Amino acid sequence: MSVRNVCVRRAGTALVTAFALALPAIAAAQLPNNYYTPGKTDKVDVKQLCAATFEASVKPMSDWQKNTALERYGVRPESFNGELEHLVPVALGGSNDPDNLYPFHGQGEYTVDAKQRLAAKLHELVCDGKVSLKQAQDVFKKDWTKGYKQYVGAMNAPGGN
């Protein structure tokens, strides 16, 4: 075996290893730092939450809430042009408190749209009495990408419900 072939194989192995090690970091890019964003919810009952007018009744985020959330992550608010996302969605009682906000960096299948699909699915399950509100909120507080696979991804798979 030539020296060139050995170098190419080692480079290929190094590339595969680097990619494998990067996978958890890629998945974590959609998750906030739990210290900065533990997830804060408003006191709301299921009847209120499931009313057609619930989301429209929620006040929009104020500038101080946005700025505080971004500054926790070392992001200058005036230069931020990404998505500021609720960890626990408003549709599931998530608040606009900075403890529930983080700069979202969606990649691959885990985009803001995917997170919203999961929120809609869990909202439906909560309102149908199939999942408790706390269980639905905990899906987002723990790791919404796993919840996506469980509640949305499985439904899109062959043989899913």
C-alpha atoms as a PDB file:
ATOM      1  CA  MET A   1       0.000   0.000   0.000  1.00  0.00           C
ATOM      2  CA  SER A   2       1.415   3.367  -0.960  1.00  0.00           C
ATOM      3  CA  VAL A   3       1.927   6.269   1.426  1.00  0.00           C
ATOM      4  CA  ARG A   4      -0.662   8.245  -0.539  1.00  0.00           C
ATOM      5  CA  ASN A   5      -3.353   5.565  -0.010  1.00  0.00           C
ATOM      6  CA  VAL A   6      -2.632   5.447   3.721  1.00  0.00           C
ATOM      7  CA  CYS A   7      -2.940   9.247   3.956  1.00  0.00           C
ATOM      8  CA  VAL A   8      -6.220   9.236   2.006  1.00  0.00           C
ATOM      9  CA  ARG A   9      -7.674   6.496   4.215  1.00  0.00           C
ATOM     10  CA  ARG A  10      -6.637   8.290   7.390  1.00  0.00           C
ATOM     11  CA  ALA A  11      -8.130  11.541   6.119  1.00  0.00           C
ATOM     12  CA  GLY A  12     -11.356   9.740   5.248  1.00  0.00           C
ATOM     13  CA  THR A  13     -11.504   8.093   8.658  1.00  0.00           C
ATOM     14  CA  ALA A  14     -10.836  11.420  10.349  1.00  0.00           C
ATOM     15  CA  LEU A  15     -13.639  13.028   8.344  1.00  0.00           C
ATOM     16  CA  VAL A  16     -16.141  10.288   9.247  1.00  0.00           C
ATOM     17  CA  THR A  17     -15.118  10.487  12.908  1.00  0.00           C
ATOM     18  CA  ALA A  18     -15.460  14.280  12.946  1.00  0.00           C
ATOM     19  CA  PHE A  19     -18.922  14.044  11.408  1.00  0.00           C
ATOM     20  CA  ALA A  20     -20.025  11.393  13.914  1.00  0.00           C
ATOM     21  CA  LEU A  21     -18.805  13.545  16.782  1.00  0.00           C
ATOM     22  CA  ALA A  22     -20.563  16.592  15.332  1.00  0.00           C
ATOM     23  CA  LEU A  23     -24.010  14.956  15.133  1.00  0.00           C
ATOM     24  CA  PRO A  24     -24.915  15.656  18.787  1.00  0.00           C
ATOM     25  CA  ALA A  25     -23.804  19.270  18.354  1.00  0.00           C
ATOM     26  CA  ILE A  26     -25.955  19.624  15.236  1.00  0.00           C
ATOM     27  CA  ALA A  27     -29.006  18.299  17.092  1.00  0.00           C
ATOM     28  CA  ALA A  28     -28.222  20.516  20.089  1.00  0.00           C
ATOM     29  CA  ALA A  29     -28.173  23.613  17.874  1.00  0.00           C
ATOM     30  CA  GLN A  30     -31.971  23.665  18.072  1.00  0.00           C
ATOM     31  CA  LEU A  31     -31.981  23.354  21.862  1.00  0.00           C
ATOM     32  CA  PRO A  32     -31.365  26.214  24.260  1.00  0.00           C
ATOM     33  CA  ASN A  33     -28.949  26.284  27.161  1.00  0.00           C
ATOM     34  CA  ASN A  34     -31.061  25.075  30.111  1.00  0.00           C
ATOM     35  CA  TYR A  35     -29.320  27.508  32.434  1.00  0.00           C
ATOM     36  CA  TYR A  36     -30.331  30.547  30.364  1.00  0.00           C
ATOM     37  CA  THR A  37     -33.658  29.174  29.194  1.00  0.00           C
ATOM     38  CA  PRO A  38     -35.216  26.746  31.672  1.00  0.00           C
ATOM     39  CA  GLY A  39     -38.692  27.283  30.207  1.00  0.00           C
ATOM     40  CA  LYS A  40     -41.246  29.463  31.937  1.00  0.00           C
ATOM     41  CA  THR A  41     -44.973  29.018  31.576  1.00  0.00           C
ATOM     42  CA  ASP A  42     -47.972  31.149  32.408  1.00  0.00           C
ATOM     43  CA  LYS A  43     -50.672  29.873  34.721  1.00  0.00           C
ATOM     44  CA  VAL A  44     -53.318  28.678  32.335  1.00  0.00           C
ATOM     45  CA  ASP A  45     -55.813  25.860  32.491  1.00  0.00           C
ATOM     46  CA  VAL A  46     -56.653  23.503  29.663  1.00  0.00           C
ATOM     47  CA  LYS A  47     -60.073  25.068  29.080  1.00  0.00           C
ATOM     48  CA  GLN A  48     -58.468  28.495  28.506  1.00  0.00           C
ATOM     49  CA  LEU A  49     -55.681  27.010  26.418  1.00  0.00           C
ATOM     50  CA  CYS A  50     -58.095  25.181  24.119  1.00  0.00           C
ATOM     51  CA  ALA A  51     -60.347  28.192  23.538  1.00  0.00           C
ATOM     52  CA  ALA A  52     -60.189  29.454  19.958  1.00  0.00           C
ATOM     53  CA  THR A  53     -59.222  32.939  21.169  1.00  0.00           C
ATOM     54  CA  PHE A  54     -56.352  31.875  23.471  1.00  0.00           C
ATOM     55  CA  GLU A  55     -53.312  32.705  21.329  1.00  0.00           C
ATOM     56  CA  ALA A  56     -54.812  36.003  20.195  1.00  0.00           C
ATOM     57  CA  SER A  57     -55.216  37.002  23.868  1.00  0.00           C
ATOM     58  CA  VAL A  58     -51.486  36.620  24.612  1.00  0.00           C
ATOM     59  CA  LYS A  59     -49.499  39.850  24.673  1.00  0.00           C
ATOM     60  CA  PRO A  60     -46.602  40.128  22.210  1.00  0.00           C
ATOM     61  CA  MET A  61     -43.002  40.028  23.441  1.00  0.00           C
ATOM     62  CA  SER A  62     -41.673  43.352  24.656  1.00  0.00           C
ATOM     63  CA  ASP A  63     -38.283  44.726  23.647  1.00  0.00           C
ATOM     64  CA  TRP A  64     -36.840  44.244  27.142  1.00  0.00           C
ATOM     65  CA  GLN A  65     -37.826  40.559  27.071  1.00  0.00           C
ATOM     66  CA  LYS A  66     -36.203  40.050  23.671  1.00  0.00           C
ATOM     67  CA  ASN A  67     -33.069  41.966  24.637  1.00  0.00           C
ATOM     68  CA  THR A  68     -32.638  40.167  27.966  1.00  0.00           C
ATOM     69  CA  ALA A  69     -33.009  36.753  26.325  1.00  0.00           C
ATOM     70  CA  LEU A  70     -30.473  37.565  23.610  1.00  0.00           C
ATOM     71  CA  GLU A  71     -27.967  39.118  26.006  1.00  0.00           C
ATOM     72  CA  ARG A  72     -27.981  35.914  28.081  1.00  0.00           C
ATOM     73  CA  TYR A  73     -26.575  34.159  25.029  1.00  0.00           C
ATOM     74  CA  GLY A  74     -24.008  36.870  24.365  1.00  0.00           C
ATOM     75  CA  VAL A  75     -25.924  38.166  21.350  1.00  0.00           C
ATOM     76  CA  ARG A  76     -26.151  41.890  20.739  1.00  0.00           C
ATOM     77  CA  PRO A  77     -29.853  42.614  20.188  1.00  0.00           C
ATOM     78  CA  GLU A  78     -29.193  45.302  17.565  1.00  0.00           C
ATOM     79  CA  SER A  79     -27.231  42.861  15.391  1.00  0.00           C
ATOM     80  CA  PHE A  80     -29.532  39.846  15.798  1.00  0.00           C
ATOM     81  CA  ASN A  81     -31.482  38.919  12.678  1.00  0.00           C
ATOM     82  CA  GLY A  82     -32.445  35.326  13.465  1.00  0.00           C
ATOM     83  CA  GLU A  83     -35.411  33.699  15.129  1.00  0.00           C
ATOM     84  CA  LEU A  84     -36.090  34.318  18.820  1.00  0.00           C
ATOM     85  CA  GLU A  85     -38.136  31.322  19.851  1.00  0.00           C
ATOM     86  CA  HIS A  86     -40.223  30.289  22.851  1.00  0.00           C
ATOM     87  CA  LEU A  87     -38.900  27.093  24.443  1.00  0.00           C
ATOM     88  CA  VAL A  88     -42.410  26.169  25.606  1.00  0.00           C
ATOM     89  CA  PRO A  89     -44.717  27.418  22.836  1.00  0.00           C
ATOM     90  CA  VAL A  90     -47.401  29.989  23.629  1.00  0.00           C
ATOM     91  CA  ALA A  91     -49.945  27.455  22.322  1.00  0.00           C
ATOM     92  CA  LEU A  92     -49.004  25.289  25.321  1.00  0.00           C
ATOM     93  CA  GLY A  93     -48.926  28.054  27.917  1.00  0.00           C
ATOM     94  CA  GLY A  94     -45.355  29.251  27.327  1.00  0.00           C
ATOM     95  CA  SER A  95     -44.666  32.778  28.518  1.00  0.00           C
ATOM     96  CA  ASN A  96     -42.794  35.712  26.996  1.00  0.00           C
ATOM     97  CA  ASP A  97     -40.477  35.757  30.006  1.00  0.00           C
ATOM     98  CA  PRO A  98     -36.765  35.698  29.035  1.00  0.00           C
ATOM     99  CA  ASP A  99     -36.594  32.342  30.881  1.00  0.00           C
ATOM    100  CA  ASN A 100     -38.633  30.925  27.983  1.00  0.00           C
ATOM    101  CA  LEU A 101     -36.888  32.632  25.040  1.00  0.00           C
ATOM    102  CA  TYR A 102     -33.763  31.730  23.080  1.00  0.00           C
ATOM    103  CA  PRO A 103     -32.091  32.417  19.726  1.00  0.00           C
ATOM    104  CA  PHE A 104     -33.115  29.516  17.500  1.00  0.00           C
ATOM    105  CA  HIS A 105     -30.688  27.999  15.009  1.00  0.00           C
ATOM    106  CA  GLY A 106     -32.728  25.531  12.975  1.00  0.00           C
ATOM    107  CA  GLN A 107     -30.919  22.992  10.835  1.00  0.00           C
ATOM    108  CA  GLY A 108     -31.968  19.957   8.859  1.00  0.00           C
ATOM    109  CA  GLU A 109     -35.426  18.701   9.731  1.00  0.00           C
ATOM    110  CA  TYR A 110     -35.489  20.596  13.047  1.00  0.00           C
ATOM    111  CA  THR A 111     -36.645  23.995  11.864  1.00  0.00           C
ATOM    112  CA  VAL A 112     -39.038  26.499  13.416  1.00  0.00           C
ATOM    113  CA  ASP A 113     -41.768  24.961  11.226  1.00  0.00           C
ATOM    114  CA  ALA A 114     -41.030  21.513  12.666  1.00  0.00           C
ATOM    115  CA  LYS A 115     -41.199  22.906  16.200  1.00  0.00           C
ATOM    116  CA  GLN A 116     -44.524  24.548  15.367  1.00  0.00           C
ATOM    117  CA  ARG A 117     -45.882  21.264  13.938  1.00  0.00           C
ATOM    118  CA  LEU A 118     -44.973  19.547  17.194  1.00  0.00           C
ATOM    119  CA  ALA A 119     -46.622  22.327  19.211  1.00  0.00           C
ATOM    120  CA  ALA A 120     -49.806  22.019  17.139  1.00  0.00           C
ATOM    121  CA  LYS A 121     -49.862  18.235  17.551  1.00  0.00           C
ATOM    122  CA  LEU A 122     -49.347  18.422  21.310  1.00  0.00           C
ATOM    123  CA  HIS A 123     -51.944  21.204  21.601  1.00  0.00           C
ATOM    124  CA  GLU A 124     -54.414  18.913  19.853  1.00  0.00           C
ATOM    125  CA  LEU A 125     -53.531  15.997  22.166  1.00  0.00           C
ATOM    126  CA  VAL A 126     -53.879  18.202  25.268  1.00  0.00           C
ATOM    127  CA  CYS A 127     -57.256  19.507  24.127  1.00  0.00           C
ATOM    128  CA  ASP A 128     -58.420  15.948  23.344  1.00  0.00           C
ATOM    129  CA  GLY A 129     -57.396  14.873  26.858  1.00  0.00           C
ATOM    130  CA  LYS A 130     -54.811  12.375  25.575  1.00  0.00           C
ATOM    131  CA  VAL A 131     -51.777  14.164  27.062  1.00  0.00           C
ATOM    132  CA  SER A 132     -51.623  16.402  30.142  1.00  0.00           C
ATOM    133  CA  LEU A 133     -50.575  20.025  29.713  1.00  0.00           C
ATOM    134  CA  LYS A 134     -47.547  19.419  31.965  1.00  0.00           C
ATOM    135  CA  GLN A 135     -46.471  16.423  29.852  1.00  0.00           C
ATOM    136  CA  ALA A 136     -46.720  18.516  26.684  1.00  0.00           C
ATOM    137  CA  GLN A 137     -44.716  21.363  28.250  1.00  0.00           C
ATOM    138  CA  ASP A 138     -42.088  18.910  29.491  1.00  0.00           C
ATOM    139  CA  VAL A 139     -41.539  17.626  25.946  1.00  0.00           C
ATOM    140  CA  PHE A 140     -40.202  21.076  25.073  1.00  0.00           C
ATOM    141  CA  LYS A 141     -38.327  21.611  28.334  1.00  0.00           C
ATOM    142  CA  LYS A 142     -36.447  18.318  27.986  1.00  0.00           C
ATOM    143  CA  ASP A 143     -35.676  17.927  24.253  1.00  0.00           C
ATOM    144  CA  TRP A 144     -38.263  18.882  21.667  1.00  0.00           C
ATOM    145  CA  THR A 145     -36.334  17.131  18.880  1.00  0.00           C
ATOM    146  CA  LYS A 146     -36.974  13.783  20.598  1.00  0.00           C
ATOM    147  CA  GLY A 147     -40.616  14.789  21.056  1.00  0.00           C
ATOM    148  CA  TYR A 148     -40.788  15.597  17.358  1.00  0.00           C
ATOM    149  CA  LYS A 149     -39.617  12.087  16.499  1.00  0.00           C
ATOM    150  CA  GLN A 150     -42.135  10.600  18.916  1.00  0.00           C
ATOM    151  CA  TYR A 151     -45.238  12.659  18.092  1.00  0.00           C
ATOM    152  CA  VAL A 152     -44.716  13.948  14.547  1.00  0.00           C
ATOM    153  CA  GLY A 153     -41.939  11.941  12.885  1.00  0.00           C
ATOM    154  CA  ALA A 154     -43.537   8.599  13.711  1.00  0.00           C
ATOM    155  CA  MET A 155     -46.806   9.778  12.187  1.00  0.00           C
ATOM    156  CA  ASN A 156     -45.101  10.519   8.883  1.00  0.00           C
ATOM    157  CA  ALA A 157     -43.309   7.161   8.796  1.00  0.00           C
ATOM    158  CA  PRO A 158     -44.768   4.177   6.949  1.00  0.00           C
ATOM    159  CA  GLY A 159     -47.189   2.429   9.267  1.00  0.00           C
ATOM    160  CA  GLY A 160     -47.423   5.480  11.593  1.00  0.00           C
ATOM    161  CA  ASN A 161     -50.750   6.705  12.966  1.00  0.00           C
END
